[in-house]
Amino acid sequence: GTDVYAPVDGTVVGLASHIVSGRKYGARIDVQPSDAPSLVVSITHLRADPALEVGDSVAASRSKIGSVIDFSKVEQQALARYTQDAGNHVAIEVQPAPTLAIP
């Protein structure tokens, strides 16, 4: 239930369900950083803030984008060995932004 804030300044370019083994577990939020538009930062293992929409601008450390969900029922989390709880956390990936081929 811990609040999650945007990791970068940018624009929300994707907001979808996070699917594990055919079941929905929270959301995947894709943010295109303002200073690196050739990349997309994907955040999972969270419940998206209901007010968040594709096209919204977010500010690093200031814009709430959601809250951490309990992922312990889905997978045994390695972080749990180092914490005093189930090890719940958000997962962040950085990928190249998709590009359109111009014929």
N, C-alpha and C. Protein backbone atom coordinates (compact mmCIF):
# COMPACT_ATOMS: atom_id res chain seq x y z
N GLY A 1 0.78 -1.21 0.00
CA GLY A 1 0.00 0.00 0.00
C GLY A 1 0.82 1.27 0.00
N THR A 2 2.15 1.14 0.01
CA THR A 2 3.01 2.32 0.02
C THR A 2 2.84 3.12 -1.27
N ASP A 3 2.77 4.44 -1.16
CA ASP A 3 2.65 5.29 -2.34
C ASP A 3 3.87 5.15 -3.24
N VAL A 4 3.63 5.23 -4.55
CA VAL A 4 4.70 5.16 -5.54
C VAL A 4 4.66 6.46 -6.35
N TYR A 5 5.84 7.06 -6.52
CA TYR A 5 5.96 8.31 -7.26
C TYR A 5 6.74 8.09 -8.55
N ALA A 6 6.51 8.93 -9.53
CA ALA A 6 7.17 8.81 -10.83
C ALA A 6 8.69 8.79 -10.65
N PRO A 7 9.37 7.85 -11.34
CA PRO A 7 10.83 7.79 -11.23
C PRO A 7 11.55 8.82 -12.12
N VAL A 8 10.84 9.38 -13.10
CA VAL A 8 11.43 10.34 -14.04
C VAL A 8 10.41 11.41 -14.39
N ASP A 9 10.89 12.56 -14.88
CA ASP A 9 10.00 13.56 -15.47
C ASP A 9 9.63 13.05 -16.85
N GLY A 10 8.35 13.12 -17.20
CA GLY A 10 7.97 12.66 -18.53
C GLY A 10 6.47 12.63 -18.74
N THR A 11 6.08 11.83 -19.74
CA THR A 11 4.68 11.70 -20.13
C THR A 11 4.26 10.24 -20.05
N VAL A 12 3.08 10.00 -19.48
CA VAL A 12 2.54 8.64 -19.43
C VAL A 12 2.12 8.25 -20.85
N VAL A 13 2.75 7.21 -21.40
CA VAL A 13 2.45 6.78 -22.76
C VAL A 13 1.75 5.42 -22.80
N GLY A 14 1.63 4.77 -21.64
CA GLY A 14 0.94 3.49 -21.59
C GLY A 14 0.44 3.22 -20.19
N LEU A 15 -0.74 2.62 -20.12
CA LEU A 15 -1.35 2.26 -18.85
C LEU A 15 -2.17 1.01 -19.11
N ALA A 16 -1.68 -0.14 -18.61
CA ALA A 16 -2.33 -1.41 -18.92
C ALA A 16 -2.29 -2.32 -17.70
N SER A 17 -3.08 -3.38 -17.75
CA SER A 17 -3.03 -4.40 -16.70
C SER A 17 -1.72 -5.16 -16.78
N HIS A 18 -1.17 -5.53 -15.64
CA HIS A 18 0.02 -6.37 -15.58
C HIS A 18 -0.49 -7.80 -15.44
N ILE A 19 -0.19 -8.64 -16.41
CA ILE A 19 -0.71 -10.01 -16.45
C ILE A 19 0.39 -11.00 -16.07
N VAL A 20 0.07 -11.90 -15.12
CA VAL A 20 0.97 -12.97 -14.72
C VAL A 20 0.17 -14.27 -14.75
N SER A 21 0.62 -15.24 -15.53
CA SER A 21 -0.07 -16.53 -15.66
C SER A 21 -1.55 -16.35 -16.02
N GLY A 22 -1.82 -15.41 -16.91
CA GLY A 22 -3.18 -15.20 -17.39
C GLY A 22 -4.10 -14.43 -16.45
N ARG A 23 -3.57 -13.93 -15.32
CA ARG A 23 -4.39 -13.19 -14.36
C ARG A 23 -3.84 -11.79 -14.16
N LYS A 24 -4.74 -10.86 -13.90
CA LYS A 24 -4.36 -9.46 -13.69
C LYS A 24 -3.83 -9.26 -12.27
N TYR A 25 -2.62 -8.69 -12.18
CA TYR A 25 -2.03 -8.33 -10.90
C TYR A 25 -1.52 -6.90 -11.00
N GLY A 26 -2.38 -5.96 -10.73
CA GLY A 26 -1.98 -4.56 -10.76
C GLY A 26 -1.86 -4.02 -12.17
N ALA A 27 -0.99 -3.02 -12.30
CA ALA A 27 -0.88 -2.29 -13.57
C ALA A 27 0.56 -2.20 -14.04
N ARG A 28 0.69 -1.88 -15.32
CA ARG A 28 1.98 -1.50 -15.89
C ARG A 28 1.82 -0.09 -16.40
N ILE A 29 2.69 0.79 -15.93
CA ILE A 29 2.66 2.20 -16.32
C ILE A 29 3.92 2.47 -17.12
N ASP A 30 3.76 2.99 -18.33
CA ASP A 30 4.89 3.33 -19.19
C ASP A 30 5.02 4.84 -19.25
N VAL A 31 6.24 5.33 -18.95
CA VAL A 31 6.53 6.76 -18.95
C VAL A 31 7.67 7.02 -19.92
N GLN A 32 7.46 7.99 -20.83
CA GLN A 32 8.53 8.41 -21.74
C GLN A 32 9.22 9.62 -21.11
N PRO A 33 10.50 9.46 -20.75
CA PRO A 33 11.21 10.57 -20.10
C PRO A 33 11.35 11.79 -21.01
N SER A 34 11.19 12.97 -20.43
CA SER A 34 11.32 14.22 -21.19
C SER A 34 12.72 14.39 -21.76
N ASP A 35 13.72 14.00 -20.97
CA ASP A 35 15.10 14.22 -21.40
C ASP A 35 15.69 13.03 -22.17
N ALA A 36 14.90 11.97 -22.39
CA ALA A 36 15.36 10.81 -23.16
C ALA A 36 14.18 10.19 -23.91
N PRO A 37 13.62 10.89 -24.90
CA PRO A 37 12.41 10.41 -25.57
C PRO A 37 12.60 9.12 -26.37
N SER A 38 13.84 8.67 -26.52
CA SER A 38 14.06 7.40 -27.22
C SER A 38 13.90 6.20 -26.29
N LEU A 39 13.54 6.45 -25.03
CA LEU A 39 13.37 5.39 -24.04
C LEU A 39 11.96 5.40 -23.47
N VAL A 40 11.57 4.26 -22.87
CA VAL A 40 10.33 4.15 -22.11
C VAL A 40 10.67 3.46 -20.79
N VAL A 41 10.22 4.04 -19.69
CA VAL A 41 10.39 3.46 -18.37
C VAL A 41 9.09 2.78 -17.99
N SER A 42 9.14 1.45 -17.73
CA SER A 42 7.94 0.69 -17.37
C SER A 42 7.99 0.35 -15.89
N ILE A 43 6.88 0.62 -15.20
CA ILE A 43 6.79 0.36 -13.76
C ILE A 43 5.66 -0.64 -13.54
N THR A 44 5.95 -1.74 -12.81
CA THR A 44 4.94 -2.75 -12.51
C THR A 44 4.93 -3.06 -11.01
N HIS A 45 4.06 -3.98 -10.62
CA HIS A 45 3.87 -4.43 -9.24
C HIS A 45 3.20 -3.32 -8.41
N LEU A 46 2.33 -2.56 -9.05
CA LEU A 46 1.63 -1.49 -8.35
C LEU A 46 0.19 -1.37 -8.85
N ARG A 47 -0.62 -0.70 -8.04
CA ARG A 47 -1.99 -0.35 -8.42
C ARG A 47 -1.92 1.09 -8.89
N ALA A 48 -2.34 1.34 -10.12
CA ALA A 48 -2.26 2.69 -10.69
C ALA A 48 -3.20 3.64 -9.95
N ASP A 49 -2.76 4.87 -9.80
CA ASP A 49 -3.61 5.92 -9.23
C ASP A 49 -4.80 6.09 -10.16
N PRO A 50 -6.04 6.08 -9.63
CA PRO A 50 -7.22 6.18 -10.49
C PRO A 50 -7.27 7.45 -11.34
N ALA A 51 -6.60 8.51 -10.91
CA ALA A 51 -6.62 9.77 -11.66
C ALA A 51 -5.61 9.78 -12.81
N LEU A 52 -4.71 8.80 -12.85
CA LEU A 52 -3.66 8.77 -13.86
C LEU A 52 -4.21 8.34 -15.22
N GLU A 53 -3.83 9.07 -16.28
CA GLU A 53 -4.28 8.76 -17.63
C GLU A 53 -3.13 8.89 -18.62
N VAL A 54 -3.25 8.17 -19.73
CA VAL A 54 -2.28 8.31 -20.81
C VAL A 54 -2.29 9.76 -21.28
N GLY A 55 -1.10 10.32 -21.47
CA GLY A 55 -0.98 11.71 -21.87
C GLY A 55 -0.65 12.64 -20.71
N ASP A 56 -0.83 12.17 -19.47
CA ASP A 56 -0.51 13.00 -18.30
C ASP A 56 0.99 13.24 -18.21
N SER A 57 1.36 14.43 -17.79
CA SER A 57 2.76 14.73 -17.48
C SER A 57 3.00 14.35 -16.03
N VAL A 58 4.18 13.76 -15.75
CA VAL A 58 4.53 13.39 -14.39
C VAL A 58 5.90 13.98 -14.06
N ALA A 59 6.10 14.28 -12.78
CA ALA A 59 7.36 14.85 -12.31
C ALA A 59 8.02 13.86 -11.35
N ALA A 60 9.31 13.61 -11.57
CA ALA A 60 10.06 12.68 -10.75
C ALA A 60 9.95 13.04 -9.27
N SER A 61 9.62 12.05 -8.46
CA SER A 61 9.53 12.17 -6.99
C SER A 61 8.39 13.04 -6.50
N ARG A 62 7.59 13.63 -7.41
CA ARG A 62 6.50 14.51 -6.98
C ARG A 62 5.12 14.03 -7.41
N SER A 63 5.03 13.32 -8.53
CA SER A 63 3.73 12.87 -9.04
C SER A 63 3.45 11.46 -8.57
N LYS A 64 2.39 11.31 -7.78
CA LYS A 64 1.99 9.97 -7.33
C LYS A 64 1.39 9.23 -8.52
N ILE A 65 1.92 8.03 -8.78
CA ILE A 65 1.40 7.24 -9.90
C ILE A 65 0.66 5.99 -9.45
N GLY A 66 0.76 5.64 -8.16
CA GLY A 66 0.05 4.46 -7.67
C GLY A 66 0.50 4.06 -6.29
N SER A 67 0.26 2.77 -5.97
CA SER A 67 0.68 2.22 -4.68
C SER A 67 1.11 0.77 -4.87
N VAL A 68 2.03 0.33 -4.04
CA VAL A 68 2.58 -1.02 -4.12
C VAL A 68 1.48 -2.04 -3.79
N ILE A 69 1.44 -3.14 -4.55
CA ILE A 69 0.48 -4.21 -4.26
C ILE A 69 1.21 -5.41 -3.64
N ASP A 70 0.45 -6.30 -3.01
CA ASP A 70 1.02 -7.52 -2.43
C ASP A 70 1.22 -8.53 -3.54
N PHE A 71 2.46 -8.74 -3.91
CA PHE A 71 2.81 -9.66 -5.00
C PHE A 71 3.24 -11.02 -4.47
N SER A 72 3.23 -11.20 -3.13
CA SER A 72 3.72 -12.45 -2.53
C SER A 72 2.86 -13.67 -2.87
N LYS A 73 1.62 -13.45 -3.26
CA LYS A 73 0.76 -14.57 -3.64
C LYS A 73 1.06 -15.07 -5.05
N VAL A 74 1.80 -14.24 -5.82
CA VAL A 74 2.11 -14.56 -7.21
C VAL A 74 3.49 -15.19 -7.35
N GLU A 75 4.45 -14.64 -6.61
CA GLU A 75 5.82 -15.15 -6.71
C GLU A 75 6.54 -14.99 -5.38
N GLN A 76 7.50 -15.88 -5.14
CA GLN A 76 8.35 -15.75 -3.96
C GLN A 76 9.39 -14.69 -4.30
N GLN A 77 9.39 -13.62 -3.57
CA GLN A 77 10.24 -12.48 -3.90
C GLN A 77 11.59 -12.57 -3.19
N ALA A 78 12.67 -12.45 -3.96
CA ALA A 78 14.02 -12.57 -3.41
C ALA A 78 14.29 -11.52 -2.33
N LEU A 79 13.67 -10.35 -2.45
CA LEU A 79 13.88 -9.29 -1.46
C LEU A 79 13.42 -9.69 -0.07
N ALA A 80 12.50 -10.64 0.02
CA ALA A 80 11.96 -11.05 1.32
C ALA A 80 13.06 -11.60 2.24
N ARG A 81 14.14 -12.11 1.67
CA ARG A 81 15.24 -12.62 2.51
C ARG A 81 15.94 -11.50 3.26
N TYR A 82 15.82 -10.27 2.75
CA TYR A 82 16.54 -9.14 3.33
C TYR A 82 15.63 -8.15 4.05
N THR A 83 14.34 -8.41 4.04
CA THR A 83 13.40 -7.52 4.71
C THR A 83 12.65 -8.30 5.78
N GLN A 84 11.85 -7.61 6.55
CA GLN A 84 11.06 -8.28 7.59
C GLN A 84 9.60 -8.41 7.15
N ASP A 85 9.42 -8.45 5.83
CA ASP A 85 8.07 -8.60 5.29
C ASP A 85 8.14 -9.50 4.05
N ALA A 86 7.13 -9.42 3.20
CA ALA A 86 7.05 -10.29 2.02
C ALA A 86 7.97 -9.83 0.89
N GLY A 87 8.62 -8.68 1.06
CA GLY A 87 9.53 -8.20 0.02
C GLY A 87 8.85 -7.47 -1.11
N ASN A 88 7.62 -7.01 -0.89
CA ASN A 88 6.90 -6.30 -1.95
C ASN A 88 7.64 -5.03 -2.36
N HIS A 89 7.62 -4.76 -3.66
CA HIS A 89 8.36 -3.64 -4.24
C HIS A 89 7.80 -3.36 -5.63
N VAL A 90 8.20 -2.25 -6.21
CA VAL A 90 7.86 -2.01 -7.61
C VAL A 90 9.03 -2.52 -8.46
N ALA A 91 8.73 -2.87 -9.69
CA ALA A 91 9.76 -3.28 -10.64
C ALA A 91 9.82 -2.21 -11.72
N ILE A 92 11.06 -1.82 -12.08
CA ILE A 92 11.25 -0.79 -13.09
C ILE A 92 12.14 -1.33 -14.19
N GLU A 93 11.69 -1.15 -15.43
CA GLU A 93 12.47 -1.55 -16.61
C GLU A 93 12.64 -0.34 -17.53
N VAL A 94 13.77 -0.26 -18.19
CA VAL A 94 14.01 0.78 -19.17
C VAL A 94 14.21 0.10 -20.51
N GLN A 95 13.42 0.52 -21.51
CA GLN A 95 13.47 -0.10 -22.83
C GLN A 95 13.51 0.97 -23.90
N PRO A 96 13.98 0.61 -25.12
CA PRO A 96 13.90 1.57 -26.21
C PRO A 96 12.43 1.86 -26.54
N ALA A 97 12.13 3.09 -26.87
CA ALA A 97 10.76 3.46 -27.28
C ALA A 97 10.47 2.83 -28.63
N PRO A 98 9.25 2.36 -28.82
CA PRO A 98 8.90 1.81 -30.14
C PRO A 98 8.96 2.91 -31.21
N THR A 99 9.36 2.52 -32.39
CA THR A 99 9.41 3.48 -33.49
C THR A 99 8.56 2.96 -34.64
N LEU A 100 8.04 3.87 -35.43
CA LEU A 100 7.26 3.50 -36.59
C LEU A 100 8.14 3.55 -37.82
N ALA A 101 8.04 2.52 -38.62
CA ALA A 101 8.79 2.51 -39.89
C ALA A 101 8.05 3.37 -40.90
N ILE A 102 8.75 4.24 -41.55
CA ILE A 102 8.14 5.09 -42.57
C ILE A 102 8.43 4.47 -43.93
N PRO A 103 7.37 4.07 -44.65
CA PRO A 103 7.59 3.40 -45.95
C PRO A 103 8.10 4.34 -47.03
